[in-house]
Amino acid sequence: MVCYVKRLDHSRPFTFTAPSKKVNWKRLRQLDVVAMAAASDAAGAMQLFEDVAHGDVEQGSSYELSEASLLKLLKLAQLQLQYMQYKLEEKVEAEQAVEDNTLAIAAGLASLAPPSLGDIHQGLGALAADMSQLGSSRVGGLIQQPHPAREWMLLIEQVRAEERSAAKSALLQAIQKSKQQVDVKYGTQLQQPASQAET
């Protein structure tokens, strides 16, 4: 729901401002506040939000400031306040849920044991082995199998296969480079358990 309201200046502390807008009494008289409340028509109630919040009722004529008009204005203001309270509580509950989830995730991460250098080394080796065989049989099958459609479909499959192969090679090189860096930096520490087992 879009509500066209002049935004307040949030760079300064909140202050009440004197009403300066002329109330659209004609439009107010056309509203059926009772039907609006029965249908929970929040969008309709918020159409005259700026008139209620910033409208200067003292500018109205004696005809406009009739008891019926003022009573309708008051009922409309009540509907707007009820809707604003609902949205405010909804926002507070959403922020609380986000905060609770953040705390739960932080607690879960704190309870996890940090991986050892051996685990990192083993994981990089396994990932490199998997990447060397990723999709090789499937891509080969797609290229060798004749396609019943036009020839350009086969050409598209070949191009896609080449793109996948290039991406696989680049990722494999990155993994191997990372593994080599781990071996160079922590090779002595990783081999220490094996040497102790031999002794």
Protein backbone atom coordinates (compact mmCIF):
# COMPACT_ATOMS: atom_id res chain seq x y z
CA MET A 1 0.00 0.00 0.00
CA VAL A 2 1.38 3.40 -1.00
CA CYS A 3 0.68 6.39 1.22
CA TYR A 4 1.80 9.75 -0.14
CA VAL A 5 2.91 11.62 2.95
CA LYS A 6 5.57 14.27 3.30
CA ARG A 7 8.47 12.65 5.13
CA LEU A 8 9.68 14.12 8.38
CA ASP A 9 13.25 15.27 9.01
CA HIS A 10 14.86 12.37 10.89
CA SER A 11 18.20 14.13 11.25
CA ARG A 12 16.79 16.13 14.17
CA PRO A 13 14.94 15.07 17.32
CA PHE A 14 11.18 14.72 16.95
CA THR A 15 9.09 17.84 17.49
CA PHE A 16 5.39 18.50 16.99
CA THR A 17 4.63 20.88 14.14
CA ALA A 18 1.73 23.25 13.73
CA PRO A 19 -0.90 22.02 11.22
CA SER A 20 -0.59 23.86 7.91
CA LYS A 21 -2.51 21.80 5.36
CA LYS A 22 -6.07 22.64 4.35
CA VAL A 23 -8.34 19.71 5.13
CA ASN A 24 -10.12 18.25 2.13
CA TRP A 25 -13.59 18.38 3.72
CA LYS A 26 -15.34 17.48 0.50
CA ARG A 27 -13.43 14.26 0.17
CA LEU A 28 -13.93 13.56 3.86
CA ARG A 29 -17.71 13.88 3.49
CA GLN A 30 -17.65 11.34 0.66
CA LEU A 31 -15.97 8.68 2.81
CA ASP A 32 -18.06 5.95 4.40
CA VAL A 33 -16.06 5.43 7.58
CA VAL A 34 -18.44 2.78 8.91
CA ALA A 35 -18.14 0.63 5.75
CA MET A 36 -14.39 1.25 5.72
CA ALA A 37 -14.06 -0.08 9.27
CA ALA A 38 -16.28 -3.10 8.54
CA ALA A 39 -14.15 -4.04 5.52
CA SER A 40 -10.84 -3.28 7.30
CA ASP A 41 -10.00 -1.00 4.39
CA ALA A 42 -6.66 0.29 5.65
CA ALA A 43 -5.68 1.69 2.24
CA GLY A 44 -8.83 3.79 2.12
CA ALA A 45 -8.35 5.05 5.66
CA MET A 46 -4.78 6.13 4.94
CA GLN A 47 -5.76 8.17 1.88
CA LEU A 48 -6.47 11.18 4.08
CA PHE A 49 -3.64 10.56 6.54
CA GLU A 50 -1.91 13.86 5.81
CA ASP A 51 -5.20 15.73 6.14
CA VAL A 52 -5.73 14.23 9.59
CA ALA A 53 -2.12 14.54 10.78
CA HIS A 54 -1.30 17.97 9.37
CA GLY A 55 -4.67 19.49 8.48
CA ASP A 56 -5.57 22.79 10.09
CA VAL A 57 -9.22 22.41 11.12
CA GLU A 58 -9.37 26.06 12.20
CA GLN A 59 -9.24 27.11 8.55
CA GLY A 60 -12.57 25.43 7.89
CA SER A 61 -15.84 27.30 7.60
CA SER A 62 -18.73 26.86 9.99
CA TYR A 63 -20.34 24.54 7.45
CA GLU A 64 -17.21 22.41 7.16
CA LEU A 65 -16.76 22.30 10.95
CA SER A 66 -20.14 20.73 11.51
CA GLU A 67 -20.57 18.14 14.22
CA ALA A 68 -21.01 15.38 11.64
CA SER A 69 -17.78 16.34 9.82
CA LEU A 70 -15.73 16.55 13.02
CA LEU A 71 -17.13 13.23 14.23
CA LYS A 72 -16.21 11.57 10.94
CA LEU A 73 -12.72 13.10 11.12
CA LEU A 74 -12.27 11.68 14.62
CA LYS A 75 -13.44 8.21 13.57
CA LEU A 76 -11.10 8.29 10.57
CA ALA A 77 -8.21 9.25 12.85
CA GLN A 78 -9.00 6.27 15.07
CA LEU A 79 -8.88 3.90 12.11
CA GLN A 80 -5.54 5.33 11.04
CA LEU A 81 -4.08 5.01 14.53
CA GLN A 82 -5.24 1.39 14.80
CA TYR A 83 -3.58 0.53 11.51
CA MET A 84 -0.38 2.37 12.44
CA GLN A 85 -0.28 0.51 15.77
CA TYR A 86 -0.65 -2.80 13.93
CA LYS A 87 2.20 -1.98 11.51
CA LEU A 88 4.43 -0.74 14.35
CA GLU A 89 3.92 -3.92 16.38
CA GLU A 90 4.50 -5.99 13.24
CA LYS A 91 7.81 -4.21 12.67
CA VAL A 92 8.89 -4.68 16.29
CA GLU A 93 8.07 -8.41 16.13
CA ALA A 94 10.01 -8.79 12.87
CA GLU A 95 13.06 -7.02 14.31
CA GLN A 96 12.87 -9.22 17.42
CA ALA A 97 12.69 -12.34 15.26
CA VAL A 98 15.77 -11.22 13.31
CA GLU A 99 17.63 -10.54 16.54
CA ASP A 100 16.66 -13.95 17.97
CA ASN A 101 17.79 -15.70 14.79
CA THR A 102 21.08 -13.80 14.82
CA LEU A 103 21.76 -14.82 18.42
CA ALA A 104 20.86 -18.44 17.64
CA ILE A 105 23.20 -18.52 14.65
CA ALA A 106 26.00 -16.91 16.67
CA ALA A 107 25.53 -19.48 19.45
CA GLY A 108 25.56 -22.31 16.92
CA LEU A 109 28.74 -21.06 15.28
CA ALA A 110 30.41 -20.62 18.66
CA SER A 111 29.67 -24.24 19.54
CA LEU A 112 31.33 -25.58 16.38
CA ALA A 113 34.85 -26.90 16.74
CA PRO A 114 37.34 -25.12 14.42
CA PRO A 115 38.70 -27.37 11.63
CA SER A 116 42.23 -28.66 12.04
CA LEU A 117 44.95 -28.22 9.43
CA GLY A 118 44.64 -31.91 8.67
CA ASP A 119 40.96 -31.53 7.92
CA ILE A 120 41.67 -28.60 5.58
CA HIS A 121 44.39 -30.52 3.77
CA GLN A 122 42.20 -33.60 3.40
CA GLY A 123 39.23 -31.55 2.21
CA LEU A 124 41.23 -29.74 -0.47
CA GLY A 125 42.61 -33.04 -1.73
CA ALA A 126 39.16 -34.62 -1.94
CA LEU A 127 37.71 -31.55 -3.70
CA ALA A 128 40.51 -31.55 -6.25
CA ALA A 129 39.91 -35.24 -6.98
CA ASP A 130 36.18 -34.68 -7.43
CA MET A 131 36.68 -31.69 -9.72
CA SER A 132 39.01 -33.64 -12.00
CA GLN A 133 36.15 -36.00 -12.87
CA LEU A 134 33.18 -33.62 -12.63
CA GLY A 135 30.77 -33.99 -15.53
CA SER A 136 33.30 -35.61 -17.88
CA SER A 137 31.11 -38.59 -18.82
CA ARG A 138 27.91 -36.51 -18.99
CA VAL A 139 29.41 -33.82 -21.23
CA GLY A 140 30.98 -36.43 -23.48
CA GLY A 141 27.63 -38.17 -23.85
CA LEU A 142 25.89 -34.95 -24.82
CA ILE A 143 28.40 -34.21 -27.54
CA GLN A 144 28.55 -37.74 -29.00
CA GLN A 145 24.81 -38.42 -28.92
CA PRO A 146 23.05 -37.14 -32.10
CA HIS A 147 20.39 -34.54 -31.38
CA PRO A 148 17.06 -34.91 -33.19
CA ALA A 149 16.67 -31.14 -33.62
CA ARG A 150 18.58 -28.85 -35.93
CA GLU A 151 22.35 -28.82 -36.19
CA TRP A 152 22.70 -25.54 -34.33
CA MET A 153 21.44 -27.27 -31.18
CA LEU A 154 24.50 -29.52 -31.30
CA LEU A 155 26.70 -26.47 -31.75
CA ILE A 156 25.15 -24.83 -28.66
CA GLU A 157 25.80 -27.98 -26.62
CA GLN A 158 29.41 -28.02 -27.75
CA VAL A 159 29.90 -24.39 -26.76
CA ARG A 160 28.34 -25.03 -23.36
CA ALA A 161 30.56 -28.08 -22.88
CA GLU A 162 33.64 -26.00 -23.66
CA GLU A 163 32.52 -23.33 -21.19
CA ARG A 164 31.98 -25.94 -18.46
CA SER A 165 35.37 -27.50 -19.20
CA ALA A 166 37.12 -24.13 -18.97
CA ALA A 167 35.37 -23.29 -15.71
CA LYS A 168 36.24 -26.72 -14.30
CA SER A 169 39.90 -26.29 -15.23
CA ALA A 170 40.08 -22.84 -13.67
CA LEU A 171 38.49 -24.04 -10.44
CA LEU A 172 40.73 -27.10 -10.33
CA GLN A 173 43.82 -24.93 -10.73
CA ALA A 174 42.65 -22.66 -7.92
CA ILE A 175 42.05 -25.64 -5.64
CA GLN A 176 45.43 -27.16 -6.45
CA LYS A 177 47.12 -23.82 -5.83
CA SER A 178 45.43 -23.51 -2.47
CA LYS A 179 46.43 -27.07 -1.60
CA GLN A 180 50.04 -26.34 -2.55
CA GLN A 181 50.03 -23.22 -0.37
CA VAL A 182 48.74 -25.28 2.55
CA ASP A 183 51.38 -27.93 1.91
CA VAL A 184 54.17 -25.33 1.77
CA LYS A 185 53.04 -23.38 4.82
CA TYR A 186 51.86 -26.20 7.03
CA GLY A 187 53.53 -29.25 5.51
CA THR A 188 55.73 -29.86 8.50
CA GLN A 189 52.81 -29.71 10.95
CA LEU A 190 50.67 -31.99 8.76
CA GLN A 191 53.38 -34.61 8.46
CA GLN A 192 54.21 -34.53 12.17
CA PRO A 193 51.51 -37.06 13.26
CA ALA A 194 52.68 -39.53 10.57
CA SER A 195 56.32 -39.25 11.68
CA GLN A 196 55.32 -39.75 15.31
CA ALA A 197 53.33 -42.87 14.32
CA GLU A 198 56.40 -44.35 12.60
CA THR A 199 58.52 -43.83 15.69
